[in-house]
């Protein structure tokens, strides 16, 4: 391109103890990144929104981080960083800058609302507790998964019933409405 720097889509979420960054690039080749106490640099060749290209970004954190406990997880469609905060707190934003770049977005699927006064859930912290290295909850038990699937099936069944009833009401309305106008006429006919 014409000297134009391409940046990947980066989703971010936070917990009191860490920041979760998900860099959206497929078919990764030669990932190169450095994580420092105050900032992070990232560069990779892969497939992003602009096709196959080299994507990069620089990020200056809002507050210091603990580089020794940060983790990285590579998958087919993204690179996931778990950036551990130096102090347990809720950051007002990810970057030191007030301006948010267009490639940085909030990851609402992994966001957790906590105010500074709240305590994190039991077991959550710098150790993994009930959070895996990727920042997600541990997998559900087989029994719990079956319960959820059963409830989903019940909900789908209920939705199908409601849909069927709504369709029947709509058909009745289409049949009755013309009869109503023929029988009683419209407001214009009565004047």
Protein backbone atom coordinates (compact mmCIF):
# COMPACT_ATOMS: atom_id res chain seq x y z
CA UNK A 1 0.00 0.00 0.00
CA UNK A 2 1.00 3.66 -0.14
CA UNK A 3 2.83 3.74 3.22
CA UNK A 4 -0.51 3.34 4.97
CA UNK A 5 -0.24 1.26 8.15
CA UNK A 6 -2.88 -1.48 8.50
CA UNK A 7 -4.12 -2.31 11.98
CA UNK A 8 -6.09 -5.45 12.86
CA UNK A 9 -9.38 -5.36 14.72
CA UNK A 10 -8.55 -5.62 18.44
CA UNK A 11 -11.26 -6.45 20.98
CA UNK A 12 -10.62 -5.67 24.64
CA UNK A 13 -12.30 -6.50 27.94
CA UNK A 14 -11.21 -6.15 31.53
CA UNK A 15 -11.43 -7.82 34.89
CA UNK A 16 -10.08 -6.26 38.08
CA UNK A 17 -6.86 -8.28 37.73
CA UNK A 18 -6.26 -8.39 33.99
CA UNK A 19 -7.05 -7.08 30.51
CA UNK A 20 -8.10 -9.44 27.72
CA UNK A 21 -7.02 -8.43 24.19
CA UNK A 22 -8.21 -10.44 21.19
CA UNK A 23 -6.41 -9.58 17.94
CA UNK A 24 -8.55 -10.63 14.96
CA UNK A 25 -6.17 -11.96 12.29
CA UNK A 26 -6.48 -15.33 10.51
CA UNK A 27 -3.75 -17.50 8.99
CA UNK A 28 -1.02 -16.00 11.16
CA UNK A 29 2.54 -15.90 9.95
CA UNK A 30 5.53 -14.49 11.81
CA UNK A 31 3.77 -12.91 14.81
CA UNK A 32 6.05 -10.39 16.51
CA UNK A 33 5.08 -8.59 19.71
CA UNK A 34 6.69 -6.99 22.74
CA UNK A 35 4.87 -6.36 26.01
CA UNK A 36 6.40 -3.78 28.33
CA UNK A 37 5.17 -2.34 31.64
CA UNK A 38 3.71 0.75 29.96
CA UNK A 39 3.11 -0.29 26.35
CA UNK A 40 2.82 -3.05 23.78
CA UNK A 41 3.87 -3.37 20.13
CA UNK A 42 2.41 -5.92 17.73
CA UNK A 43 3.07 -6.97 14.12
CA UNK A 44 1.91 -10.01 12.13
CA UNK A 45 1.35 -11.14 8.57
CA UNK A 46 -2.07 -12.70 8.12
CA UNK A 47 -5.59 -12.28 6.82
CA UNK A 48 -7.57 -9.41 8.32
CA UNK A 49 -10.25 -7.00 7.14
CA UNK A 50 -8.00 -5.80 4.28
CA UNK A 51 -7.07 -9.30 3.11
CA UNK A 52 -3.60 -10.85 3.36
CA UNK A 53 -1.22 -8.18 4.62
CA UNK A 54 1.04 -7.12 7.47
CA UNK A 55 -0.99 -5.74 10.39
CA UNK A 56 0.46 -3.83 13.32
CA UNK A 57 -0.41 -1.58 16.23
CA UNK A 58 1.20 0.19 19.19
CA UNK A 59 -0.66 0.50 22.44
CA UNK A 60 0.29 2.66 25.45
CA UNK A 61 -1.55 1.31 28.49
CA UNK A 62 -3.62 3.50 30.80
CA UNK A 63 -1.79 2.09 33.84
CA UNK A 64 1.27 -0.15 34.39
CA UNK A 65 1.06 -3.90 33.84
CA UNK A 66 2.90 -6.93 35.24
CA UNK A 67 4.80 -8.33 32.24
CA UNK A 68 5.93 -11.49 34.06
CA UNK A 69 2.39 -12.88 34.34
CA UNK A 70 1.04 -11.96 30.91
CA UNK A 71 -0.01 -14.86 28.68
CA UNK A 72 -0.62 -15.38 24.97
CA UNK A 73 -2.86 -17.91 23.25
CA UNK A 74 -2.80 -18.53 19.48
CA UNK A 75 -5.82 -19.91 17.65
CA UNK A 76 -6.86 -20.22 14.02
CA UNK A 77 -8.66 -16.87 13.89
CA UNK A 78 -6.99 -14.72 16.53
CA UNK A 79 -4.27 -14.12 19.07
CA UNK A 80 -5.47 -13.65 22.62
CA UNK A 81 -3.41 -11.74 25.19
CA UNK A 82 -4.09 -11.84 28.91
CA UNK A 83 -2.40 -8.68 30.20
CA UNK A 84 -2.09 -8.76 34.01
CA UNK A 85 -2.52 -5.42 35.75
CA UNK A 86 0.17 -4.29 38.17
CA UNK A 87 -2.50 -3.14 40.64
CA UNK A 88 -5.98 -4.58 41.09
CA UNK A 89 -8.35 -1.90 39.80
CA UNK A 90 -10.87 -0.98 37.15
CA UNK A 91 -9.27 1.06 34.41
CA UNK A 92 -11.31 3.94 32.98
CA UNK A 93 -9.98 3.02 29.50
CA UNK A 94 -7.36 0.76 27.94
CA UNK A 95 -5.01 3.40 26.57
CA UNK A 96 -3.36 6.40 28.15
CA UNK A 97 -4.78 8.50 25.30
CA UNK A 98 -8.38 9.71 25.54
CA UNK A 99 -8.84 9.05 21.82
CA UNK A 100 -9.85 5.54 20.80
CA UNK A 101 -8.46 4.32 17.49
CA UNK A 102 -11.04 2.88 15.05
CA UNK A 103 -9.47 -0.60 15.18
CA UNK A 104 -9.94 -0.93 18.97
CA UNK A 105 -13.35 -2.14 20.14
CA UNK A 106 -14.91 -3.26 23.42
CA UNK A 107 -15.35 -7.03 23.66
CA UNK A 108 -18.80 -7.15 25.24
CA UNK A 109 -18.80 -10.97 25.18
CA UNK A 110 -15.99 -10.98 27.76
CA UNK A 111 -16.63 -7.71 29.60
CA UNK A 112 -17.29 -7.77 33.34
CA UNK A 113 -18.88 -4.80 35.08
CA UNK A 114 -17.11 -4.07 38.36
CA UNK A 115 -16.78 -0.82 40.21
CA UNK A 116 -13.58 -0.03 42.13
CA UNK A 117 -15.25 -0.85 45.46
CA UNK A 118 -16.43 -4.33 44.45
CA UNK A 119 -14.52 -7.47 45.17
CA UNK A 120 -13.88 -9.97 42.37
CA UNK A 121 -15.74 -13.26 42.40
CA UNK A 122 -14.30 -15.96 44.64
CA UNK A 123 -11.36 -17.71 43.02
CA UNK A 124 -10.78 -14.95 40.48
CA UNK A 125 -7.46 -13.24 40.57
CA UNK A 126 -3.93 -13.41 39.32
CA UNK A 127 -4.02 -17.16 39.82
CA UNK A 128 -6.31 -18.90 37.41
CA UNK A 129 -8.99 -19.77 39.99
CA UNK A 130 -12.16 -20.34 38.01
CA UNK A 131 -10.73 -18.48 35.02
CA UNK A 132 -8.63 -20.25 32.40
CA UNK A 133 -5.51 -18.70 30.91
CA UNK A 134 -7.59 -17.28 28.10
CA UNK A 135 -9.79 -15.36 30.54
CA UNK A 136 -12.86 -17.54 29.96
CA UNK A 137 -14.73 -19.55 32.55
CA UNK A 138 -13.74 -23.21 32.75
CA UNK A 139 -15.80 -25.61 30.62
CA UNK A 140 -19.16 -26.72 32.00
CA UNK A 141 -19.66 -30.23 33.31
CA UNK A 142 -21.34 -32.72 31.01
CA UNK A 143 -24.43 -32.83 33.26
CA UNK A 144 -24.77 -29.04 33.31
CA UNK A 145 -24.32 -28.90 29.55
CA UNK A 146 -27.12 -31.46 29.11
CA UNK A 147 -29.39 -29.38 31.38
CA UNK A 148 -28.71 -26.30 29.28
CA UNK A 149 -29.37 -28.18 26.03
CA UNK A 150 -32.64 -29.51 27.46
CA UNK A 151 -33.76 -26.01 28.49
CA UNK A 152 -32.80 -24.71 25.05
CA UNK A 153 -34.93 -27.41 23.41
CA UNK A 154 -37.87 -26.49 25.67
CA UNK A 155 -37.48 -22.81 24.83
CA UNK A 156 -37.34 -23.56 21.10
CA UNK A 157 -40.47 -25.69 21.44
CA UNK A 158 -42.27 -22.87 23.27
CA UNK A 159 -41.17 -20.38 20.62
CA UNK A 160 -42.51 -22.65 17.88
CA UNK A 161 -45.89 -22.82 19.69
CA UNK A 162 -46.02 -19.03 20.01
CA UNK A 163 -45.07 -18.64 16.35
CA UNK A 164 -47.82 -21.09 15.33
CA UNK A 165 -50.41 -19.24 17.46
CA UNK A 166 -49.32 -15.87 16.05
CA UNK A 167 -49.63 -17.23 12.50
CA UNK A 168 -53.14 -18.52 13.24
CA UNK A 169 -54.17 -15.16 14.71
CA UNK A 170 -52.76 -13.38 11.69
CA UNK A 171 -54.77 -15.64 9.34
CA UNK A 172 -57.95 -15.03 11.35
CA UNK A 173 -57.31 -11.28 11.33
CA UNK A 174 -56.87 -11.32 7.55
CA UNK A 175 -60.20 -13.15 7.19
CA UNK A 176 -62.16 -11.03 9.69
CA UNK A 177 -60.88 -7.56 8.82
CA UNK A 178 -62.34 -7.40 5.27
CA UNK A 179 -65.65 -8.71 6.64
CA UNK A 180 -65.58 -6.03 9.34
CA UNK A 181 -65.16 -3.26 6.74
CA UNK A 182 -67.92 -4.67 4.56
CA UNK A 183 -70.27 -4.98 7.54
CA UNK A 184 -69.57 -1.68 9.24
CA UNK A 185 -67.88 0.28 6.51
CA UNK A 186 -65.07 2.73 7.13
CA UNK A 187 -65.25 6.08 8.92
CA UNK A 188 -65.47 7.83 5.54
CA UNK A 189 -68.58 5.77 4.60
CA UNK A 190 -70.41 6.79 7.80
CA UNK A 191 -70.02 10.57 7.29
